[in-house]
């Protein structure tokens, strides 16, 4: 078992022990906070993946702003 997994298991055990001391209202707040943090992590992971993928795409270059606008409007 890796050190990270052991640390996570120990942390989870500590959290479980602490949860026994908390009120249902406090636990509900903790659940909401964890859900919020998990969503942020998920969104960040998607952002990083999309950014890395976009960096692999070929870049378009234009000789002028007018050329760029012409290309945009020709697609519309």
PDB file of N, CA and C in Angstrom:
ATOM      1  N   UNK A   1       0.855  -1.174   0.000  1.00  0.00           N
ATOM      2  CA  UNK A   1       0.000   0.000   0.000  1.00  0.00           C
ATOM      3  C   UNK A   1       0.904   1.241   0.000  1.00  0.00           C
ATOM      4  N   UNK A   2       0.549   2.249  -0.799  1.00  0.00           N
ATOM      5  CA  UNK A   2       1.394   3.438  -0.893  1.00  0.00           C
ATOM      6  C   UNK A   2       1.226   4.319   0.341  1.00  0.00           C
ATOM      7  N   UNK A   3       2.212   5.205   0.563  1.00  0.00           N
ATOM      8  CA  UNK A   3       2.154   6.125   1.707  1.00  0.00           C
ATOM      9  C   UNK A   3       0.933   7.028   1.625  1.00  0.00           C
ATOM     10  N   UNK A   4       0.600   7.472   0.404  1.00  0.00           N
ATOM     11  CA  UNK A   4      -0.561   8.347   0.233  1.00  0.00           C
ATOM     12  C   UNK A   4      -1.832   7.629   0.651  1.00  0.00           C
ATOM     13  N   UNK A   5      -1.950   6.379   0.257  1.00  0.00           N
ATOM     14  CA  UNK A   5      -3.139   5.607   0.605  1.00  0.00           C
ATOM     15  C   UNK A   5      -3.225   5.409   2.109  1.00  0.00           C
ATOM     16  N   UNK A   6      -2.088   5.119   2.761  1.00  0.00           N
ATOM     17  CA  UNK A   6      -2.068   4.933   4.217  1.00  0.00           C
ATOM     18  C   UNK A   6      -2.467   6.235   4.904  1.00  0.00           C
ATOM     19  N   UNK A   7      -1.897   7.360   4.450  1.00  0.00           N
ATOM     20  CA  UNK A   7      -2.224   8.658   5.044  1.00  0.00           C
ATOM     21  C   UNK A   7      -3.708   8.949   4.862  1.00  0.00           C
ATOM     22  N   UNK A   8      -4.234   8.664   3.680  1.00  0.00           N
ATOM     23  CA  UNK A   8      -5.653   8.903   3.439  1.00  0.00           C
ATOM     24  C   UNK A   8      -6.518   8.030   4.329  1.00  0.00           C
ATOM     25  N   UNK A   9      -6.154   6.790   4.495  1.00  0.00           N
ATOM     26  CA  UNK A   9      -6.911   5.881   5.356  1.00  0.00           C
ATOM     27  C   UNK A   9      -6.868   6.370   6.801  1.00  0.00           C
ATOM     28  N   UNK A  10      -5.706   6.799   7.257  1.00  0.00           N
ATOM     29  CA  UNK A  10      -5.591   7.315   8.619  1.00  0.00           C
ATOM     30  C   UNK A  10      -6.406   8.594   8.782  1.00  0.00           C
ATOM     31  N   UNK A  11      -6.371   9.467   7.786  1.00  0.00           N
ATOM     32  CA  UNK A  11      -7.157  10.694   7.839  1.00  0.00           C
ATOM     33  C   UNK A  11      -8.648  10.386   7.893  1.00  0.00           C
ATOM     34  N   UNK A  12      -9.074   9.431   7.088  1.00  0.00           N
ATOM     35  CA  UNK A  12     -10.494   9.064   7.067  1.00  0.00           C
ATOM     36  C   UNK A  12     -10.921   8.499   8.416  1.00  0.00           C
ATOM     37  N   UNK A  13     -10.082   7.689   8.993  1.00  0.00           N
ATOM     38  CA  UNK A  13     -10.400   7.138  10.318  1.00  0.00           C
ATOM     39  C   UNK A  13     -10.511   8.250  11.361  1.00  0.00           C
ATOM     40  N   UNK A  14      -9.591   9.226  11.314  1.00  0.00           N
ATOM     41  CA  UNK A  14      -9.641  10.368  12.244  1.00  0.00           C
ATOM     42  C   UNK A  14     -10.920  11.179  12.032  1.00  0.00           C
ATOM     43  N   UNK A  15     -11.261  11.410  10.791  1.00  0.00           N
ATOM     44  CA  UNK A  15     -12.479  12.173  10.481  1.00  0.00           C
ATOM     45  C   UNK A  15     -13.709  11.430  10.989  1.00  0.00           C
ATOM     46  N   UNK A  16     -13.764  10.128  10.775  1.00  0.00           N
ATOM     47  CA  UNK A  16     -14.900   9.338  11.263  1.00  0.00           C
ATOM     48  C   UNK A  16     -15.058   9.447  12.772  1.00  0.00           C
ATOM     49  N   UNK A  17     -13.945   9.428  13.487  1.00  0.00           N
ATOM     50  CA  UNK A  17     -14.007   9.575  14.944  1.00  0.00           C
ATOM     51  C   UNK A  17     -14.518  10.967  15.328  1.00  0.00           C
ATOM     52  N   UNK A  18     -14.058  11.987  14.648  1.00  0.00           N
ATOM     53  CA  UNK A  18     -14.495  13.356  14.953  1.00  0.00           C
ATOM     54  C   UNK A  18     -15.971  13.561  14.632  1.00  0.00           C
ATOM     55  N   UNK A  19     -16.442  12.931  13.561  1.00  0.00           N
ATOM     56  CA  UNK A  19     -17.842  13.101  13.160  1.00  0.00           C
ATOM     57  C   UNK A  19     -18.812  12.619  14.236  1.00  0.00           C
ATOM     58  N   UNK A  20     -18.387  11.637  14.997  1.00  0.00           N
ATOM     59  CA  UNK A  20     -19.247  11.100  16.055  1.00  0.00           C
ATOM     60  C   UNK A  20     -19.578  12.155  17.112  1.00  0.00           C
ATOM     61  N   UNK A  21     -18.733  13.175  17.220  1.00  0.00           N
ATOM     62  CA  UNK A  21     -18.912  14.218  18.231  1.00  0.00           C
ATOM     63  C   UNK A  21     -19.766  15.395  17.739  1.00  0.00           C
ATOM     64  N   UNK A  22     -20.092  15.426  16.464  1.00  0.00           N
ATOM     65  CA  UNK A  22     -20.747  16.600  15.886  1.00  0.00           C
ATOM     66  C   UNK A  22     -22.258  16.445  15.817  1.00  0.00           C
ATOM     67  N   UNK A  23     -22.925  17.590  15.793  1.00  0.00           N
ATOM     68  CA  UNK A  23     -24.385  17.601  15.677  1.00  0.00           C
ATOM     69  C   UNK A  23     -24.791  17.301  14.233  1.00  0.00           C
ATOM     70  N   UNK A  24     -26.029  16.864  14.032  1.00  0.00           N
ATOM     71  CA  UNK A  24     -26.505  16.610  12.663  1.00  0.00           C
ATOM     72  C   UNK A  24     -26.429  17.870  11.778  1.00  0.00           C
ATOM     73  N   UNK A  25     -26.679  19.033  12.359  1.00  0.00           N
ATOM     74  CA  UNK A  25     -26.609  20.278  11.588  1.00  0.00           C
ATOM     75  C   UNK A  25     -25.185  20.544  11.105  1.00  0.00           C
ATOM     76  N   UNK A  26     -24.224  20.315  11.985  1.00  0.00           N
ATOM     77  CA  UNK A  26     -22.823  20.513  11.618  1.00  0.00           C
ATOM     78  C   UNK A  26     -22.405  19.511  10.559  1.00  0.00           C
ATOM     79  N   UNK A  27     -22.838  18.287  10.691  1.00  0.00           N
ATOM     80  CA  UNK A  27     -22.517  17.261   9.694  1.00  0.00           C
ATOM     81  C   UNK A  27     -23.116  17.641   8.341  1.00  0.00           C
ATOM     82  N   UNK A  28     -24.334  18.167   8.336  1.00  0.00           N
ATOM     83  CA  UNK A  28     -24.957  18.606   7.083  1.00  0.00           C
ATOM     84  C   UNK A  28     -24.129  19.717   6.433  1.00  0.00           C
ATOM     85  N   UNK A  29     -23.603  20.628   7.244  1.00  0.00           N
ATOM     86  CA  UNK A  29     -22.751  21.700   6.717  1.00  0.00           C
ATOM     87  C   UNK A  29     -21.466  21.133   6.130  1.00  0.00           C
ATOM     88  N   UNK A  30     -20.907  20.149   6.800  1.00  0.00           N
ATOM     89  CA  UNK A  30     -19.681  19.516   6.321  1.00  0.00           C
ATOM     90  C   UNK A  30     -19.932  18.797   4.996  1.00  0.00           C
ATOM     91  N   UNK A  31     -21.051  18.102   4.907  1.00  0.00           N
ATOM     92  CA  UNK A  31     -21.404  17.404   3.659  1.00  0.00           C
ATOM     93  C   UNK A  31     -21.539  18.410   2.518  1.00  0.00           C
ATOM     94  N   UNK A  32     -22.196  19.536   2.782  1.00  0.00           N
ATOM     95  CA  UNK A  32     -22.357  20.565   1.747  1.00  0.00           C
ATOM     96  C   UNK A  32     -20.995  21.128   1.329  1.00  0.00           C
ATOM     97  N   UNK A  33     -20.118  21.357   2.293  1.00  0.00           N
ATOM     98  CA  UNK A  33     -18.788  21.884   1.986  1.00  0.00           C
ATOM     99  C   UNK A  33     -17.980  20.889   1.163  1.00  0.00           C
ATOM    100  N   UNK A  34     -18.033  19.619   1.537  1.00  0.00           N
ATOM    101  CA  UNK A  34     -17.287  18.597   0.793  1.00  0.00           C
ATOM    102  C   UNK A  34     -17.829  18.483  -0.631  1.00  0.00           C
ATOM    103  N   UNK A  35     -19.137  18.553  -0.792  1.00  0.00           N
ATOM    104  CA  UNK A  35     -19.726  18.512  -2.133  1.00  0.00           C
ATOM    105  C   UNK A  35     -19.244  19.706  -2.964  1.00  0.00           C
ATOM    106  N   UNK A  36     -19.192  20.872  -2.342  1.00  0.00           N
ATOM    107  CA  UNK A  36     -18.698  22.082  -3.014  1.00  0.00           C
ATOM    108  C   UNK A  36     -17.239  21.900  -3.442  1.00  0.00           C
ATOM    109  N   UNK A  37     -16.409  21.407  -2.530  1.00  0.00           N
ATOM    110  CA  UNK A  37     -14.989  21.206  -2.837  1.00  0.00           C
ATOM    111  C   UNK A  37     -14.812  20.152  -3.937  1.00  0.00           C
ATOM    112  N   UNK A  38     -15.586  19.086  -3.890  1.00  0.00           N
ATOM    113  CA  UNK A  38     -15.491  18.041  -4.912  1.00  0.00           C
ATOM    114  C   UNK A  38     -15.878  18.598  -6.281  1.00  0.00           C
ATOM    115  N   UNK A  39     -16.902  19.444  -6.317  1.00  0.00           N
ATOM    116  CA  UNK A  39     -17.316  20.065  -7.579  1.00  0.00           C
ATOM    117  C   UNK A  39     -16.219  20.982  -8.111  1.00  0.00           C
ATOM    118  N   UNK A  40     -15.593  21.756  -7.225  1.00  0.00           N
ATOM    119  CA  UNK A  40     -14.488  22.625  -7.642  1.00  0.00           C
ATOM    120  C   UNK A  40     -13.340  21.812  -8.214  1.00  0.00           C
ATOM    121  N   UNK A  41     -13.007  20.708  -7.556  1.00  0.00           N
ATOM    122  CA  UNK A  41     -11.933  19.835  -8.044  1.00  0.00           C
ATOM    123  C   UNK A  41     -12.286  19.270  -9.417  1.00  0.00           C
ATOM    124  N   UNK A  42     -13.540  18.835  -9.574  1.00  0.00           N
ATOM    125  CA  UNK A  42     -13.988  18.274 -10.847  1.00  0.00           C
ATOM    126  C   UNK A  42     -13.895  19.317 -11.951  1.00  0.00           C
ATOM    127  N   UNK A  43     -14.380  20.535 -11.671  1.00  0.00           N
ATOM    128  CA  UNK A  43     -14.337  21.610 -12.669  1.00  0.00           C
ATOM    129  C   UNK A  43     -12.894  21.985 -13.020  1.00  0.00           C
ATOM    130  N   UNK A  44     -12.029  22.013 -12.004  1.00  0.00           N
ATOM    131  CA  UNK A  44     -10.636  22.360 -12.255  1.00  0.00           C
ATOM    132  C   UNK A  44      -9.969  21.302 -13.134  1.00  0.00           C
ATOM    133  N   UNK A  45     -10.244  20.039 -12.848  1.00  0.00           N
ATOM    134  CA  UNK A  45      -9.667  18.961 -13.644  1.00  0.00           C
ATOM    135  C   UNK A  45     -10.114  19.072 -15.098  1.00  0.00           C
ATOM    136  N   UNK A  46     -11.399  19.357 -15.318  1.00  0.00           N
ATOM    137  CA  UNK A  46     -11.913  19.535 -16.680  1.00  0.00           C
ATOM    138  C   UNK A  46     -11.223  20.721 -17.351  1.00  0.00           C
ATOM    139  N   UNK A  47     -11.091  21.830 -16.622  1.00  0.00           N
ATOM    140  CA  UNK A  47     -10.432  23.023 -17.159  1.00  0.00           C
ATOM    141  C   UNK A  47      -9.004  22.707 -17.587  1.00  0.00           C
ATOM    142  N   UNK A  48      -8.257  22.016 -16.742  1.00  0.00           N
ATOM    143  CA  UNK A  48      -6.869  21.676 -17.057  1.00  0.00           C
ATOM    144  C   UNK A  48      -6.813  20.767 -18.281  1.00  0.00           C
ATOM    145  N   UNK A  49      -7.673  19.758 -18.327  1.00  0.00           N
ATOM    146  CA  UNK A  49      -7.683  18.841 -19.467  1.00  0.00           C
ATOM    147  C   UNK A  49      -8.012  19.575 -20.762  1.00  0.00           C
ATOM    148  N   UNK A  50      -9.019  20.460 -20.725  1.00  0.00           N
ATOM    149  CA  UNK A  50      -9.400  21.214 -21.919  1.00  0.00           C
ATOM    150  C   UNK A  50      -8.302  22.188 -22.334  1.00  0.00           C
ATOM    151  N   UNK A  51      -7.645  22.802 -21.362  1.00  0.00           N
ATOM    152  CA  UNK A  51      -6.559  23.731 -21.670  1.00  0.00           C
ATOM    153  C   UNK A  51      -5.395  23.000 -22.314  1.00  0.00           C
ATOM    154  N   UNK A  52      -5.018  21.862 -21.759  1.00  0.00           N
ATOM    155  CA  UNK A  52      -3.924  21.080 -22.334  1.00  0.00           C
ATOM    156  C   UNK A  52      -4.270  20.591 -23.740  1.00  0.00           C
ATOM    157  N   UNK A  53      -5.521  20.198 -23.946  1.00  0.00           N
ATOM    158  CA  UNK A  53      -5.950  19.759 -25.277  1.00  0.00           C
ATOM    159  C   UNK A  53      -5.916  20.936 -26.258  1.00  0.00           C
ATOM    160  N   UNK A  54      -6.360  22.098 -25.821  1.00  0.00           N
ATOM    161  CA  UNK A  54      -6.364  23.275 -26.690  1.00  0.00           C
ATOM    162  C   UNK A  54      -4.946  23.679 -27.077  1.00  0.00           C
ATOM    163  N   UNK A  55      -4.006  23.501 -26.173  1.00  0.00           N
ATOM    164  CA  UNK A  55      -2.620  23.836 -26.476  1.00  0.00           C
ATOM    165  C   UNK A  55      -2.043  22.938 -27.564  1.00  0.00           C
ATOM    166  N   UNK A  56      -2.625  21.776 -27.742  1.00  0.00           N
ATOM    167  CA  UNK A  56      -2.146  20.848 -28.776  1.00  0.00           C
ATOM    168  C   UNK A  56      -2.729  21.165 -30.151  1.00  0.00           C
ATOM    169  N   UNK A  57      -3.790  21.978 -30.196  1.00  0.00           N
ATOM    170  CA  UNK A  57      -4.426  22.338 -31.459  1.00  0.00           C
ATOM    171  C   UNK A  57      -3.545  23.313 -32.230  1.00  0.00           C
ATOM    172  N   UNK A  58      -3.575  23.226 -33.554  1.00  0.00           N
ATOM    173  CA  UNK A  58      -2.801  24.196 -34.331  1.00  0.00           C
ATOM    174  C   UNK A  58      -3.365  25.610 -34.134  1.00  0.00           C
ATOM    175  N   UNK A  59      -2.465  26.568 -34.119  1.00  0.00           N
ATOM    176  CA  UNK A  59      -2.894  27.956 -33.917  1.00  0.00           C
ATOM    177  C   UNK A  59      -3.176  28.611 -35.262  1.00  0.00           C
ATOM    178  N   UNK A  60      -4.202  29.423 -35.284  1.00  0.00           N
ATOM    179  CA  UNK A  60      -4.500  30.223 -36.463  1.00  0.00           C
ATOM    180  C   UNK A  60      -3.793  31.555 -36.331  1.00  0.00           C
ATOM    181  N   UNK A  61      -3.196  32.004 -37.404  1.00  0.00           N
ATOM    182  CA  UNK A  61      -2.561  33.319 -37.388  1.00  0.00           C
ATOM    183  C   UNK A  61      -3.103  34.133 -38.550  1.00  0.00           C
ATOM    184  N   UNK A  62      -3.219  35.401 -38.321  1.00  0.00           N
ATOM    185  CA  UNK A  62      -3.738  36.320 -39.335  1.00  0.00           C
ATOM    186  C   UNK A  62      -2.761  37.468 -39.506  1.00  0.00           C
ATOM    187  N   UNK A  63      -2.764  38.025 -40.698  1.00  0.00           N
ATOM    188  CA  UNK A  63      -1.870  39.135 -40.993  1.00  0.00           C
ATOM    189  C   UNK A  63      -2.425  40.472 -40.519  1.00  0.00           C
ATOM    190  N   UNK A  64      -3.728  40.503 -40.240  1.00  0.00           N
ATOM    191  CA  UNK A  64      -4.332  41.749 -39.775  1.00  0.00           C
ATOM    192  C   UNK A  64      -5.617  41.429 -39.017  1.00  0.00           C
ATOM    193  N   UNK A  65      -6.087  42.418 -38.292  1.00  0.00           N
ATOM    194  CA  UNK A  65      -7.360  42.260 -37.583  1.00  0.00           C
ATOM    195  C   UNK A  65      -8.492  42.081 -38.579  1.00  0.00           C
ATOM    196  N   UNK A  66      -8.421  42.780 -39.680  1.00  0.00           N
ATOM    197  CA  UNK A  66      -9.469  42.668 -40.703  1.00  0.00           C
ATOM    198  C   UNK A  66      -9.535  41.241 -41.246  1.00  0.00           C
ATOM    199  N   UNK A  67      -8.380  40.630 -41.476  1.00  0.00           N
ATOM    200  CA  UNK A  67      -8.337  39.252 -41.957  1.00  0.00           C
ATOM    201  C   UNK A  67      -8.976  38.311 -40.933  1.00  0.00           C
ATOM    202  N   UNK A  68      -8.736  38.546 -39.650  1.00  0.00           N
ATOM    203  CA  UNK A  68      -9.332  37.726 -38.595  1.00  0.00           C
ATOM    204  C   UNK A  68     -10.845  37.895 -38.570  1.00  0.00           C
ATOM    205  N   UNK A  69     -11.313  39.146 -38.645  1.00  0.00           N
ATOM    206  CA  UNK A  69     -12.770  39.382 -38.669  1.00  0.00           C
ATOM    207  C   UNK A  69     -13.410  38.785 -39.888  1.00  0.00           C
ATOM    208  N   UNK A  70     -12.748  38.890 -41.044  1.00  0.00           N
ATOM    209  CA  UNK A  70     -13.298  38.280 -42.272  1.00  0.00           C
ATOM    210  C   UNK A  70     -13.450  36.783 -42.103  1.00  0.00           C
ATOM    211  N   UNK A  71     -12.460  36.130 -41.466  1.00  0.00           N
ATOM    212  CA  UNK A  71     -12.532  34.690 -41.247  1.00  0.00           C
ATOM    213  C   UNK A  71     -13.688  34.341 -40.308  1.00  0.00           C
ATOM    214  N   UNK A  72     -13.851  35.148 -39.257  1.00  0.00           N
ATOM    215  CA  UNK A  72     -14.937  34.894 -38.296  1.00  0.00           C
ATOM    216  C   UNK A  72     -16.295  35.046 -38.967  1.00  0.00           C
ATOM    217  N   UNK A  73     -16.487  36.132 -39.693  1.00  0.00           N
ATOM    218  CA  UNK A  73     -17.785  36.403 -40.292  1.00  0.00           C
ATOM    219  C   UNK A  73     -18.083  35.475 -41.468  1.00  0.00           C
ATOM    220  N   UNK A  74     -17.054  34.940 -42.113  1.00  0.00           N
ATOM    221  CA  UNK A  74     -17.297  33.991 -43.199  1.00  0.00           C
ATOM    222  C   UNK A  74     -17.815  32.662 -42.652  1.00  0.00           C
ATOM    223  N   UNK A  75     -17.516  32.349 -41.392  1.00  0.00           N
ATOM    224  CA  UNK A  75     -17.999  31.134 -40.746  1.00  0.00           C
ATOM    225  C   UNK A  75     -19.442  31.276 -40.281  1.00  0.00           C
ATOM    226  N   UNK A  76     -19.844  32.495 -39.984  1.00  0.00           N
ATOM    227  CA  UNK A  76     -21.201  32.747 -39.494  1.00  0.00           C
ATOM    228  C   UNK A  76     -22.117  32.725 -40.660  1.00  0.00           C
TER     229      UNK A  76
END
